[in-house]
Amino acid sequence: MTKFWALRRNSPVSEVVDRKDSVFLEKSEAEEGKDVLKAGDFDAELESDAFTLSEDAAGGLGRHLGVFSCTLLIVGRIIGTGIFSTPSSILGSVGSVGASLMLWVFGFFISFCGLFIWLEYGTMIPRSGGEKVYLEAVFRRPPYLATTVFAVNAIILTFSSANSIVFATNILVSAGHEAGRWSQRGIAIGAITFITLLHGLTPRGGVWLMNSLSVFKIVILLFTVITGWVVLSGRTSVPNPRQNFRNAFAGSSNSSNDYATAMFKILFSYGGWSNVNYVMNNVKDPIRTLKIAGPLGLGICALLYILANIAYFSAASKDEILHGGVAVASVFFKAVFGAQAQKALTVFVALSALGNVTTVAFAAARVNQELAKEGIPFPFGNRFWASNWPTKKSPFPGLLIHFTMTVIVILAPPPQVAYPFILDVQLYPQQIVNFLVVGGLFWLRWYKPHVPRPFKVFLPLAFFYLAATSFLLVAPFIRPSNGIGDTPPLPYYLYCVVGIAVFVFSILYWAGWSVVIPKLFGYKLIPGKEILDDGTVLTVFTREKVKKQ
């Protein structure tokens, strides 16, 4: 039977769950020289208004992800289809091979700065939810504003449509069939349906597939890198393999908008280094694991990305890469191995895309569950969406939210314009969130300097990341050199406006359910806690009539 506590947020949390329940953070006093973060110290400074650490981690499979799985969770999220397709558009934006390679290195450095910031947050506040938790720790007033803003952006703009479509397209090509619009959509919906059922009904099977596909992607990129070395050595039939590296910066663009647009795509290709932060409730020894898996996962991907770009430029001319479009990896394989290798590559890209869908769905479902647990109004109530129904081991309802948004975007026509535009719309609000998170880090350093921090980012790196994020927020409004951007006929600045509009809508939604409607009907919301049958603890609101004076 479901248990309910009518517990107000200003009541002592120990009335419900004893502090000793948070034993996963306790470490032996004999372990000298190791990081020590005690639950009591953590709760005293940055405890969530809603849950203690043990309450937050209750339900599901518990802590079952180790260093190996967490590293592959990051690798699998980062390596999708971007490295096989975006180098051509990056080159087209910035105009030169040298500038393109420098941006990939620069994107790696920016990503590592961001990773270190998220490591400080993640080890300081080891809860699932990522930016949701960090914004709540910083922007505690007005209540629920930060949570609602993040929730609207996370639910509306987190989906796996692009990679599902890429999987479908490459499967059709490899099978020798025409990639028609509806055949693409049918296979894409089938892919996201399979992943949703796998994670939701057999969670350990989902983790196994996720890890297997991540290892596969590392092997494919290693093969590409080694092939590039062989090409540069002059031992293949590729003529003049070093031509692109002579006078490499010739033709570089002078438009800041071009570099900002290219950097958005590169950061999207690197995106996923914070994936473990979203699932901390499922991580064994979360602080130690995060400090190892984060740098290791991003480092592996960054090294493979940069070397893969060098391999591409060694095997094909600048014009061939520019005209290769999203099939730049196909141009490479054809130049080195012949036309038959292109067919094999389509299978590799399809599996890489499927791996990305698998890891994104895994993390997104747990973020959706955390949002439902906070009590923010969801359709048909929060109990279902916060639960681990039906297996009591995996957040299948959270997966259904991700599934629904993915299918909507898959079916939204026309794909030629919709997908590049939606990609940009996803990235711009994320930069706003990043800006707020980094700003919050400085605030916490200043106002709460004594909070235990098992990892501390070097502040100049945080300042650099803040400056880079600020540039990415402003530069897209500057007119590009071609005057139209990369999503014609839509205006080049439209995706920024839409991203900002989503933020405005989220603020209005918060004001509606938490302020305007209660005042209009004369009641106030009283938060309490409820334990579901699967052990999940969530916030529920009861309405208390306000007495007129």
Protein backbone atom coordinates (compact mmCIF):
# COMPACT_ATOMS: atom_id res chain seq x y z
CA MET A 1 0.00 0.00 0.00
CA THR A 2 1.24 3.49 -0.79
CA LYS A 3 2.59 5.40 2.20
CA PHE A 4 2.13 9.14 2.65
CA TRP A 5 3.77 11.66 4.89
CA ALA A 6 2.19 15.07 5.39
CA LEU A 7 5.58 16.65 5.85
CA ARG A 8 6.14 20.35 5.33
CA ARG A 9 9.44 21.45 3.93
CA ASN A 10 10.43 23.38 7.04
CA SER A 11 10.15 20.22 9.15
CA PRO A 12 13.31 18.35 10.14
CA VAL A 13 14.11 15.83 7.46
CA SER A 14 15.30 13.37 10.10
CA GLU A 15 11.65 12.96 11.17
CA VAL A 16 11.17 10.92 8.01
CA VAL A 17 14.51 9.36 7.10
CA ASP A 18 17.42 9.09 9.50
CA ARG A 19 20.68 10.66 8.29
CA LYS A 20 22.44 7.33 8.75
CA ASP A 21 20.49 6.01 5.76
CA SER A 22 22.88 7.95 3.48
CA VAL A 23 25.65 5.44 4.14
CA PHE A 24 26.83 5.35 0.55
CA LEU A 25 28.64 8.64 1.12
CA GLU A 26 30.21 7.65 4.41
CA LYS A 27 33.81 6.53 4.25
CA SER A 28 35.96 4.93 6.88
CA GLU A 29 38.04 7.31 8.95
CA ALA A 30 40.95 4.95 8.37
CA GLU A 31 40.93 5.77 4.65
CA GLU A 32 43.36 8.64 5.05
CA GLY A 33 44.23 10.65 1.96
CA LYS A 34 40.91 9.87 0.25
CA ASP A 35 38.04 12.25 -0.30
CA VAL A 36 35.59 12.26 2.57
CA LEU A 37 32.11 13.64 2.04
CA LYS A 38 29.74 12.87 4.87
CA ALA A 39 26.02 13.02 4.34
CA GLY A 40 25.56 15.32 7.32
CA ASP A 41 28.01 17.90 5.97
CA PHE A 42 26.36 17.77 2.57
CA ASP A 43 22.81 18.03 3.93
CA ALA A 44 23.67 20.98 6.15
CA GLU A 45 24.68 23.19 3.23
CA LEU A 46 23.03 22.10 0.01
CA GLU A 47 20.34 19.61 0.93
CA SER A 48 17.45 19.49 -1.49
CA ASP A 49 14.28 21.02 -0.14
CA ALA A 50 12.49 17.88 -1.25
CA PHE A 51 14.58 14.79 -0.47
CA THR A 52 17.48 13.49 1.53
CA LEU A 53 20.22 11.67 -0.36
CA SER A 54 18.87 8.24 0.50
CA GLU A 55 15.31 9.20 -0.43
CA ASP A 56 16.49 10.53 -3.77
CA ALA A 57 18.23 7.25 -4.62
CA ALA A 58 15.37 5.00 -3.47
CA GLY A 59 13.61 2.72 -5.95
CA GLY A 60 14.70 0.97 -9.13
CA LEU A 61 17.86 -1.12 -9.44
CA GLY A 62 19.81 1.11 -7.08
CA ARG A 63 23.54 1.65 -7.53
CA HIS A 64 24.58 -0.77 -10.26
CA LEU A 65 26.82 1.29 -12.61
CA GLY A 66 30.60 1.09 -12.08
CA VAL A 67 33.52 2.94 -13.69
CA PHE A 68 33.45 0.79 -16.83
CA SER A 69 29.73 1.29 -17.50
CA CYS A 70 29.88 5.02 -16.65
CA THR A 71 32.84 5.59 -18.99
CA LEU A 72 30.97 3.81 -21.79
CA LEU A 73 27.83 5.77 -20.90
CA ILE A 74 29.78 8.93 -21.74
CA VAL A 75 31.49 7.46 -24.81
CA GLY A 76 28.22 6.07 -26.13
CA ARG A 77 26.49 9.45 -25.69
CA ILE A 78 29.27 11.48 -27.30
CA ILE A 79 30.02 9.25 -30.28
CA GLY A 80 26.88 9.29 -32.35
CA THR A 81 26.74 10.26 -36.00
CA GLY A 82 28.34 13.69 -35.64
CA ILE A 83 31.91 12.59 -36.27
CA PHE A 84 30.81 10.72 -39.41
CA SER A 85 28.88 13.66 -40.89
CA THR A 86 29.58 17.11 -39.40
CA PRO A 87 33.24 17.61 -40.52
CA SER A 88 31.93 18.59 -43.97
CA SER A 89 29.58 21.29 -42.63
CA ILE A 90 32.27 22.54 -40.23
CA LEU A 91 34.66 22.95 -43.14
CA GLY A 92 31.95 24.66 -45.16
CA SER A 93 31.29 27.15 -42.35
CA VAL A 94 34.88 28.17 -41.53
CA GLY A 95 36.33 27.77 -45.03
CA SER A 96 39.68 26.08 -44.35
CA VAL A 97 41.12 22.79 -43.15
CA GLY A 98 43.33 24.50 -40.58
CA ALA A 99 40.48 26.50 -39.04
CA SER A 100 38.31 23.37 -39.00
CA LEU A 101 40.92 21.32 -37.10
CA MET A 102 41.59 24.19 -34.71
CA LEU A 103 37.88 24.40 -33.89
CA TRP A 104 37.77 20.67 -33.10
CA VAL A 105 40.69 21.16 -30.70
CA PHE A 106 39.10 24.30 -29.28
CA GLY A 107 35.80 22.48 -28.82
CA PHE A 108 37.63 19.74 -26.94
CA PHE A 109 39.19 22.33 -24.60
CA ILE A 110 35.83 24.05 -24.01
CA SER A 111 34.22 20.68 -23.30
CA PHE A 112 36.91 19.76 -20.80
CA CYS A 113 36.43 23.09 -19.01
CA GLY A 114 32.72 22.33 -18.81
CA LEU A 115 33.43 18.79 -17.62
CA PHE A 116 35.55 20.06 -14.73
CA ILE A 117 32.76 22.44 -13.67
CA TRP A 118 30.22 19.62 -13.76
CA LEU A 119 32.66 17.42 -11.81
CA GLU A 120 32.70 19.96 -9.01
CA TYR A 121 28.92 20.09 -8.96
CA GLY A 122 28.49 16.32 -9.32
CA THR A 123 30.86 15.44 -6.48
CA MET A 124 29.47 18.24 -4.30
CA ILE A 125 25.82 17.28 -4.98
CA PRO A 126 25.82 13.57 -5.96
CA ARG A 127 22.21 13.29 -7.12
CA SER A 128 20.58 12.33 -10.41
CA GLY A 129 19.29 15.13 -12.59
CA GLY A 130 22.40 17.03 -13.66
CA GLU A 131 21.70 20.72 -14.29
CA LYS A 132 18.30 20.41 -12.61
CA VAL A 133 19.96 19.73 -9.26
CA TYR A 134 22.64 22.39 -9.70
CA LEU A 135 20.18 25.12 -10.64
CA GLU A 136 18.02 24.18 -7.65
CA ALA A 137 21.02 24.51 -5.32
CA VAL A 138 21.79 28.00 -6.59
CA PHE A 139 18.40 29.50 -7.46
CA ARG A 140 16.40 28.40 -4.41
CA ARG A 141 13.98 31.33 -4.60
CA PRO A 142 11.35 31.63 -5.92
CA PRO A 143 10.52 27.99 -5.09
CA TYR A 144 10.33 25.63 -8.05
CA LEU A 145 11.19 28.26 -10.67
CA ALA A 146 14.58 26.75 -11.56
CA THR A 147 13.09 23.24 -11.56
CA THR A 148 10.20 24.23 -13.83
CA VAL A 149 12.43 26.10 -16.29
CA PHE A 150 14.75 23.12 -16.58
CA ALA A 151 11.82 20.68 -16.79
CA VAL A 152 10.14 22.42 -19.72
CA ASN A 153 13.41 22.65 -21.65
CA ALA A 154 14.44 19.08 -20.85
CA ILE A 155 11.12 17.52 -21.81
CA ILE A 156 10.43 19.58 -24.94
CA LEU A 157 13.97 19.64 -26.32
CA THR A 158 15.38 16.22 -25.39
CA PHE A 159 14.68 13.59 -28.03
CA SER A 160 16.48 11.07 -30.21
CA SER A 161 14.78 11.84 -33.52
CA ALA A 162 17.84 12.73 -35.58
CA ASN A 163 19.79 9.60 -34.64
CA SER A 164 16.71 7.42 -35.11
CA ILE A 165 16.32 8.82 -38.64
CA VAL A 166 20.04 8.35 -39.35
CA PHE A 167 19.75 4.73 -38.21
CA ALA A 168 16.75 4.16 -40.49
CA THR A 169 18.36 5.84 -43.50
CA ASN A 170 21.57 3.85 -43.27
CA ILE A 171 19.74 0.57 -42.72
CA LEU A 172 17.70 1.17 -45.89
CA VAL A 173 20.79 2.11 -47.91
CA SER A 174 22.72 -0.94 -46.72
CA ALA A 175 19.76 -3.15 -47.70
CA GLY A 176 19.66 -1.61 -51.19
CA HIS A 177 16.27 0.07 -50.73
CA GLU A 178 15.32 3.65 -51.46
CA ALA A 179 15.24 5.78 -48.32
CA GLY A 180 11.73 7.17 -48.73
CA ARG A 181 10.24 9.55 -46.20
CA TRP A 182 7.71 7.12 -44.72
CA SER A 183 10.00 4.10 -44.79
CA GLN A 184 12.57 6.17 -42.91
CA ARG A 185 10.00 7.26 -40.38
CA GLY A 186 8.65 3.74 -39.89
CA ILE A 187 12.07 2.24 -39.16
CA ALA A 188 13.02 5.22 -36.98
CA ILE A 189 9.89 4.80 -34.86
CA GLY A 190 10.60 1.07 -34.69
CA ALA A 191 14.12 1.80 -33.39
CA ILE A 192 13.02 4.13 -30.60
CA THR A 193 10.21 1.70 -29.71
CA PHE A 194 12.71 -1.16 -29.38
CA ILE A 195 15.04 0.89 -27.18
CA THR A 196 12.16 2.08 -25.00
CA LEU A 197 10.91 -1.46 -24.41
CA LEU A 198 14.43 -2.80 -23.85
CA HIS A 199 15.34 -0.21 -21.20
CA GLY A 200 11.87 -0.28 -19.65
CA LEU A 201 11.29 -4.04 -19.42
CA THR A 202 14.80 -5.55 -19.28
CA PRO A 203 16.98 -2.79 -17.78
CA ARG A 204 20.12 -4.93 -17.44
CA GLY A 205 19.75 -5.96 -21.08
CA GLY A 206 19.57 -2.27 -22.00
CA VAL A 207 22.82 -1.55 -20.14
CA TRP A 208 24.50 -4.53 -21.84
CA LEU A 209 23.47 -3.30 -25.31
CA MET A 210 24.51 0.23 -24.44
CA ASN A 211 28.00 -0.89 -23.37
CA SER A 212 28.39 -3.22 -26.37
CA LEU A 213 27.54 -0.52 -28.91
CA SER A 214 29.88 1.94 -27.17
CA VAL A 215 32.78 -0.51 -27.45
CA PHE A 216 31.86 -1.09 -31.10
CA LYS A 217 32.01 2.65 -31.83
CA ILE A 218 35.44 2.94 -30.25
CA VAL A 219 36.67 0.07 -32.45
CA ILE A 220 35.31 1.70 -35.63
CA LEU A 221 36.91 5.05 -34.88
CA LEU A 222 40.20 3.37 -33.98
CA PHE A 223 40.09 1.60 -37.34
CA THR A 224 39.49 4.95 -39.08
CA VAL A 225 42.37 6.60 -37.20
CA ILE A 226 44.84 3.80 -37.94
CA THR A 227 43.78 3.83 -41.60
CA GLY A 228 44.48 7.57 -41.67
CA TRP A 229 48.01 6.97 -40.37
CA VAL A 230 48.59 4.43 -43.14
CA VAL A 231 47.31 6.90 -45.74
CA LEU A 232 49.62 9.66 -44.45
CA SER A 233 52.55 7.26 -44.67
CA GLY A 234 51.98 7.05 -48.43
CA ARG A 235 51.40 3.30 -48.49
CA THR A 236 47.96 3.44 -50.13
CA SER A 237 46.65 4.40 -53.55
CA VAL A 238 45.55 7.82 -52.29
CA PRO A 239 47.51 10.46 -54.27
CA ASN A 240 49.18 13.31 -52.40
CA PRO A 241 47.72 12.52 -48.91
CA ARG A 242 49.20 15.65 -47.31
CA GLN A 243 47.84 18.22 -49.74
CA ASN A 244 45.17 19.54 -47.34
CA PHE A 245 47.77 20.30 -44.68
CA ARG A 246 49.79 22.66 -46.88
CA ASN A 247 48.67 26.27 -46.51
CA ALA A 248 45.91 24.84 -44.32
CA PHE A 249 44.36 28.17 -43.28
CA ALA A 250 43.81 29.50 -46.81
CA GLY A 251 40.20 30.62 -47.32
CA SER A 252 39.33 30.94 -43.62
CA SER A 253 36.09 32.81 -42.87
CA ASN A 254 36.14 36.22 -41.20
CA SER A 255 32.58 35.99 -39.82
CA SER A 256 32.08 35.35 -36.12
CA ASN A 257 28.64 33.90 -36.90
CA ASP A 258 30.26 31.22 -39.08
CA TYR A 259 32.57 30.20 -36.25
CA ALA A 260 29.74 30.25 -33.69
CA THR A 261 27.52 28.07 -35.90
CA ALA A 262 30.40 25.65 -36.49
CA MET A 263 31.24 25.59 -32.78
CA PHE A 264 27.63 24.76 -31.92
CA LYS A 265 27.88 21.67 -34.13
CA ILE A 266 31.26 20.67 -32.69
CA LEU A 267 30.03 21.07 -29.12
CA PHE A 268 27.00 18.99 -30.09
CA SER A 269 29.38 16.29 -31.36
CA TYR A 270 31.24 16.45 -28.01
CA GLY A 271 27.97 16.65 -26.09
CA GLY A 272 27.43 13.90 -23.54
CA TRP A 273 30.37 14.38 -21.18
CA SER A 274 27.84 15.18 -18.43
CA ASN A 275 25.79 12.02 -19.03
CA VAL A 276 26.80 10.36 -15.74
CA ASN A 277 25.67 13.47 -13.82
CA TYR A 278 22.11 12.69 -14.88
CA VAL A 279 22.12 9.16 -13.40
CA MET A 280 24.15 9.56 -10.18
CA ASN A 281 21.53 7.68 -8.16
CA ASN A 282 22.42 4.58 -10.19
CA VAL A 283 26.22 4.90 -9.75
CA LYS A 284 28.27 2.85 -7.30
CA ASP A 285 30.64 4.99 -5.20
CA PRO A 286 29.38 8.01 -7.19
CA ILE A 287 32.06 10.55 -6.27
CA ARG A 288 35.04 8.35 -7.12
CA THR A 289 33.36 6.92 -10.22
CA LEU A 290 32.45 10.34 -11.63
CA LYS A 291 35.98 11.69 -11.15
CA ILE A 292 37.40 8.76 -13.14
CA ALA A 293 34.73 8.15 -15.78
CA GLY A 294 34.23 11.81 -16.78
CA PRO A 295 37.78 12.71 -17.89
CA LEU A 296 38.41 9.22 -19.24
CA GLY A 297 35.27 9.13 -21.38
CA LEU A 298 35.69 12.63 -22.83
CA GLY A 299 39.44 12.13 -23.33
CA ILE A 300 38.90 8.96 -25.36
CA CYS A 301 36.32 10.64 -27.57
CA ALA A 302 38.30 13.86 -28.09
CA LEU A 303 41.45 12.01 -29.12
CA LEU A 304 39.52 9.82 -31.57
CA TYR A 305 37.61 12.83 -32.98
CA ILE A 306 40.68 14.92 -33.73
CA LEU A 307 42.60 12.00 -35.25
CA ALA A 308 39.56 10.95 -37.29
CA ASN A 309 39.34 14.45 -38.80
CA ILE A 310 43.00 14.26 -39.75
CA ALA A 311 42.30 10.90 -41.37
CA TYR A 312 39.42 12.35 -43.41
CA PHE A 313 41.53 15.24 -44.68
CA SER A 314 44.38 12.90 -45.60
CA ALA A 315 42.28 10.73 -47.90
CA ALA A 316 40.06 13.23 -49.72
CA SER A 317 40.51 16.69 -51.20
CA LYS A 318 38.90 19.75 -49.68
CA ASP A 319 36.31 19.91 -52.49
CA GLU A 320 35.43 16.22 -52.10
CA ILE A 321 34.78 16.70 -48.39
CA LEU A 322 32.75 19.85 -48.98
CA HIS A 323 30.56 18.09 -51.54
CA GLY A 324 30.34 14.94 -49.43
CA GLY A 325 27.74 16.58 -47.21
CA VAL A 326 26.69 14.35 -44.32
CA ALA A 327 28.51 11.40 -45.93
CA VAL A 328 32.07 12.61 -45.30
CA ALA A 329 33.05 9.29 -43.71
CA SER A 330 31.70 7.58 -46.82
CA VAL A 331 34.02 9.72 -48.96
CA PHE A 332 36.95 8.59 -46.80
CA PHE A 333 36.12 4.88 -47.00
CA LYS A 334 35.56 5.06 -50.77
CA ALA A 335 38.88 6.84 -51.33
CA VAL A 336 40.81 4.26 -49.33
CA PHE A 337 38.96 0.97 -49.80
CA GLY A 338 36.74 1.48 -52.85
CA ALA A 339 33.00 1.65 -53.47
CA GLN A 340 32.19 -1.64 -51.69
CA ALA A 341 33.44 -0.24 -48.39
CA GLN A 342 30.78 2.45 -48.50
CA LYS A 343 28.06 -0.15 -48.01
CA ALA A 344 29.78 -1.55 -44.94
CA LEU A 345 30.13 1.96 -43.55
CA THR A 346 26.37 2.50 -43.68
CA VAL A 347 25.95 -0.41 -41.27
CA PHE A 348 28.63 1.04 -38.96
CA VAL A 349 26.96 4.47 -38.93
CA ALA A 350 23.54 2.88 -38.33
CA LEU A 351 24.82 0.98 -35.28
CA SER A 352 26.59 4.10 -34.01
CA ALA A 353 23.33 6.04 -34.27
CA LEU A 354 21.46 3.26 -32.48
CA GLY A 355 24.04 3.33 -29.69
CA ASN A 356 23.49 7.05 -29.27
CA VAL A 357 19.72 6.54 -29.08
CA THR A 358 20.29 3.89 -26.41
CA THR A 359 22.43 6.08 -24.14
CA VAL A 360 20.33 9.23 -24.58
CA ALA A 361 17.13 7.35 -23.73
CA PHE A 362 18.75 5.80 -20.65
CA ALA A 363 19.76 9.16 -19.19
CA ALA A 364 16.71 11.14 -20.36
CA ALA A 365 14.32 8.69 -18.70
CA ARG A 366 16.01 9.17 -15.34
CA VAL A 367 15.97 12.96 -15.69
CA ASN A 368 12.25 12.82 -16.52
CA GLN A 369 11.70 10.65 -13.46
CA GLU A 370 13.54 13.14 -11.24
CA LEU A 371 11.41 15.97 -12.61
CA ALA A 372 8.20 14.05 -11.93
CA LYS A 373 9.39 13.32 -8.39
CA GLU A 374 9.61 17.07 -7.72
CA GLY A 375 5.83 17.46 -7.99
CA ILE A 376 5.79 19.78 -11.02
CA PRO A 377 2.36 19.23 -12.65
CA PHE A 378 2.52 16.46 -15.28
CA PRO A 379 -0.48 15.31 -17.35
CA PHE A 380 -2.53 12.64 -15.51
CA GLY A 381 -0.61 13.20 -12.25
CA ASN A 382 2.96 12.62 -11.14
CA ARG A 383 2.75 9.25 -9.42
CA PHE A 384 2.82 7.28 -12.65
CA TRP A 385 5.60 9.34 -14.28
CA ALA A 386 7.79 9.16 -11.17
CA SER A 387 7.40 5.41 -10.75
CA ASN A 388 9.41 2.41 -11.93
CA TRP A 389 6.32 0.72 -13.38
CA PRO A 390 5.93 -2.10 -14.35
CA THR A 391 9.17 -3.88 -13.37
CA LYS A 392 9.98 -1.74 -10.30
CA LYS A 393 13.55 -1.63 -11.65
CA SER A 394 13.50 0.93 -14.47
CA PRO A 395 11.68 4.27 -15.08
CA PHE A 396 9.54 3.06 -17.98
CA PRO A 397 7.14 6.05 -17.67
CA GLY A 398 10.13 8.40 -17.99
CA LEU A 399 11.10 6.49 -21.13
CA LEU A 400 7.59 7.01 -22.50
CA ILE A 401 8.02 10.80 -22.22
CA HIS A 402 11.25 10.60 -24.21
CA PHE A 403 9.61 8.22 -26.70
CA THR A 404 6.66 10.56 -27.23
CA MET A 405 8.80 13.63 -27.96
CA THR A 406 11.05 11.61 -30.28
CA VAL A 407 8.12 10.30 -32.32
CA ILE A 408 6.57 13.77 -32.59
CA VAL A 409 9.77 15.20 -34.06
CA ILE A 410 10.24 12.18 -36.37
CA LEU A 411 6.79 12.80 -37.84
CA ALA A 412 7.19 16.59 -38.06
CA PRO A 413 7.69 17.60 -41.72
CA PRO A 414 9.63 18.71 -43.66
CA PRO A 415 12.79 16.88 -42.47
CA GLN A 416 15.16 18.75 -44.79
CA VAL A 417 14.53 21.95 -42.87
CA ALA A 418 13.14 20.66 -39.59
CA TYR A 419 16.08 18.52 -38.44
CA PRO A 420 18.91 21.08 -38.83
CA PHE A 421 16.68 23.74 -37.29
CA ILE A 422 15.64 21.53 -34.36
CA LEU A 423 19.29 20.66 -33.75
CA ASP A 424 20.12 24.36 -33.41
CA VAL A 425 17.06 24.95 -31.22
CA GLN A 426 18.24 22.17 -28.88
CA LEU A 427 21.71 23.65 -28.56
CA TYR A 428 20.89 27.31 -27.91
CA PRO A 429 18.79 26.84 -24.72
CA GLN A 430 21.46 24.45 -23.44
CA GLN A 431 23.96 27.32 -23.63
CA ILE A 432 21.59 29.44 -21.53
CA VAL A 433 21.43 26.67 -18.93
CA ASN A 434 25.22 26.30 -19.02
CA PHE A 435 25.63 30.05 -18.47
CA LEU A 436 23.39 29.91 -15.39
CA VAL A 437 25.13 26.81 -14.02
CA VAL A 438 28.62 28.34 -14.35
CA GLY A 439 27.46 31.62 -12.86
CA GLY A 440 26.01 29.61 -9.99
CA LEU A 441 29.38 27.96 -9.39
CA PHE A 442 30.97 31.34 -8.68
CA TRP A 443 28.09 32.22 -6.38
CA LEU A 444 28.53 29.00 -4.39
CA ARG A 445 32.29 29.52 -4.16
CA TRP A 446 31.69 33.00 -2.72
CA TYR A 447 28.71 32.40 -0.40
CA LYS A 448 29.29 28.77 0.60
CA PRO A 449 33.08 28.32 0.62
CA HIS A 450 33.04 25.66 3.35
CA VAL A 451 30.82 23.17 1.54
CA PRO A 452 32.83 19.92 1.02
CA ARG A 453 34.14 19.80 -2.54
CA PRO A 454 35.85 16.50 -3.42
CA PHE A 455 36.81 18.12 -6.73
CA LYS A 456 37.47 21.82 -7.38
CA VAL A 457 37.78 23.26 -10.86
CA PHE A 458 40.63 25.72 -11.47
CA LEU A 459 38.68 29.01 -11.58
CA PRO A 460 40.39 30.45 -14.71
CA LEU A 461 39.02 27.43 -16.61
CA ALA A 462 35.55 28.24 -15.31
CA PHE A 463 35.94 31.88 -16.40
CA PHE A 464 37.03 30.71 -19.84
CA TYR A 465 34.00 28.42 -20.14
CA LEU A 466 31.74 31.29 -19.06
CA ALA A 467 33.29 33.54 -21.72
CA ALA A 468 32.91 30.85 -24.41
CA THR A 469 29.28 30.31 -23.44
CA SER A 470 28.63 34.07 -23.55
CA PHE A 471 30.10 34.22 -27.06
CA LEU A 472 27.87 31.35 -28.19
CA LEU A 473 24.82 33.19 -26.84
CA VAL A 474 25.60 36.45 -28.67
CA ALA A 475 27.33 35.44 -31.91
CA PRO A 476 24.36 33.65 -33.54
CA PHE A 477 22.55 37.00 -33.75
CA ILE A 478 25.35 38.43 -35.90
CA ARG A 479 24.59 38.23 -39.62
CA PRO A 480 26.51 35.33 -41.24
CA SER A 481 28.79 35.87 -44.24
CA ASN A 482 26.30 34.22 -46.63
CA GLY A 483 23.43 36.25 -45.14
CA ILE A 484 21.11 33.26 -44.71
CA GLY A 485 22.73 30.83 -42.24
CA ASP A 486 22.48 27.05 -42.51
CA THR A 487 18.67 26.56 -42.33
CA PRO A 488 17.23 28.48 -45.29
CA PRO A 489 14.55 29.65 -45.92
CA LEU A 490 14.27 30.19 -42.16
CA PRO A 491 16.02 33.32 -40.79
CA TYR A 492 19.47 32.59 -39.35
CA TYR A 493 18.49 33.98 -35.93
CA LEU A 494 15.15 32.16 -35.66
CA TYR A 495 16.46 29.20 -33.66
CA CYS A 496 17.80 31.60 -31.00
CA VAL A 497 14.44 33.33 -30.77
CA VAL A 498 12.62 29.99 -30.46
CA GLY A 499 15.07 28.84 -27.77
CA ILE A 500 14.47 32.02 -25.77
CA ALA A 501 10.71 31.64 -26.29
CA VAL A 502 10.86 28.16 -24.72
CA PHE A 503 12.49 29.73 -21.65
CA VAL A 504 9.82 32.43 -21.49
CA PHE A 505 7.09 29.80 -21.77
CA SER A 506 8.65 27.82 -18.92
CA ILE A 507 8.59 30.89 -16.67
CA LEU A 508 4.95 31.55 -17.56
CA TYR A 509 4.10 27.91 -16.86
CA TRP A 510 5.74 28.15 -13.41
CA ALA A 511 3.87 31.37 -12.66
CA GLY A 512 0.60 29.78 -13.74
CA TRP A 513 0.62 26.61 -11.62
CA SER A 514 2.46 27.92 -8.55
CA VAL A 515 1.31 31.55 -8.24
CA VAL A 516 -1.57 32.72 -10.46
CA ILE A 517 -3.99 29.76 -10.24
CA PRO A 518 -3.61 29.29 -6.44
CA LYS A 519 -4.26 33.00 -5.87
CA LEU A 520 -7.18 32.98 -8.29
CA PHE A 521 -8.91 30.10 -6.49
CA GLY A 522 -7.81 31.08 -2.99
CA TYR A 523 -5.59 28.22 -1.92
CA LYS A 524 -1.93 27.52 -1.27
CA LEU A 525 0.10 24.44 -2.15
CA ILE A 526 1.46 22.40 0.76
CA PRO A 527 4.25 19.99 -0.24
CA GLY A 528 4.53 16.56 1.29
CA LYS A 529 6.22 13.24 0.55
CA GLU A 530 4.88 9.95 -0.66
CA ILE A 531 6.50 6.54 -1.04
CA LEU A 532 5.36 4.47 -4.01
CA ASP A 533 5.16 0.69 -3.93
CA ASP A 534 8.50 0.39 -5.75
CA GLY A 535 10.26 2.47 -3.06
CA THR A 536 10.40 5.73 -5.05
CA VAL A 537 9.92 8.86 -2.95
CA LEU A 538 8.19 11.83 -4.58
CA THR A 539 6.75 15.19 -3.66
CA VAL A 540 2.99 15.61 -3.69
CA PHE A 541 1.02 18.80 -3.18
CA THR A 542 -2.17 19.23 -1.20
CA ARG A 543 -4.34 22.31 -1.47
CA GLU A 544 -5.04 24.29 1.67
CA LYS A 545 -7.75 26.92 1.55
CA VAL A 546 -6.51 30.40 2.40
CA LYS A 547 -8.69 32.04 5.02
CA LYS A 548 -9.85 35.50 4.14
CA GLN A 549 -9.03 38.10 6.74
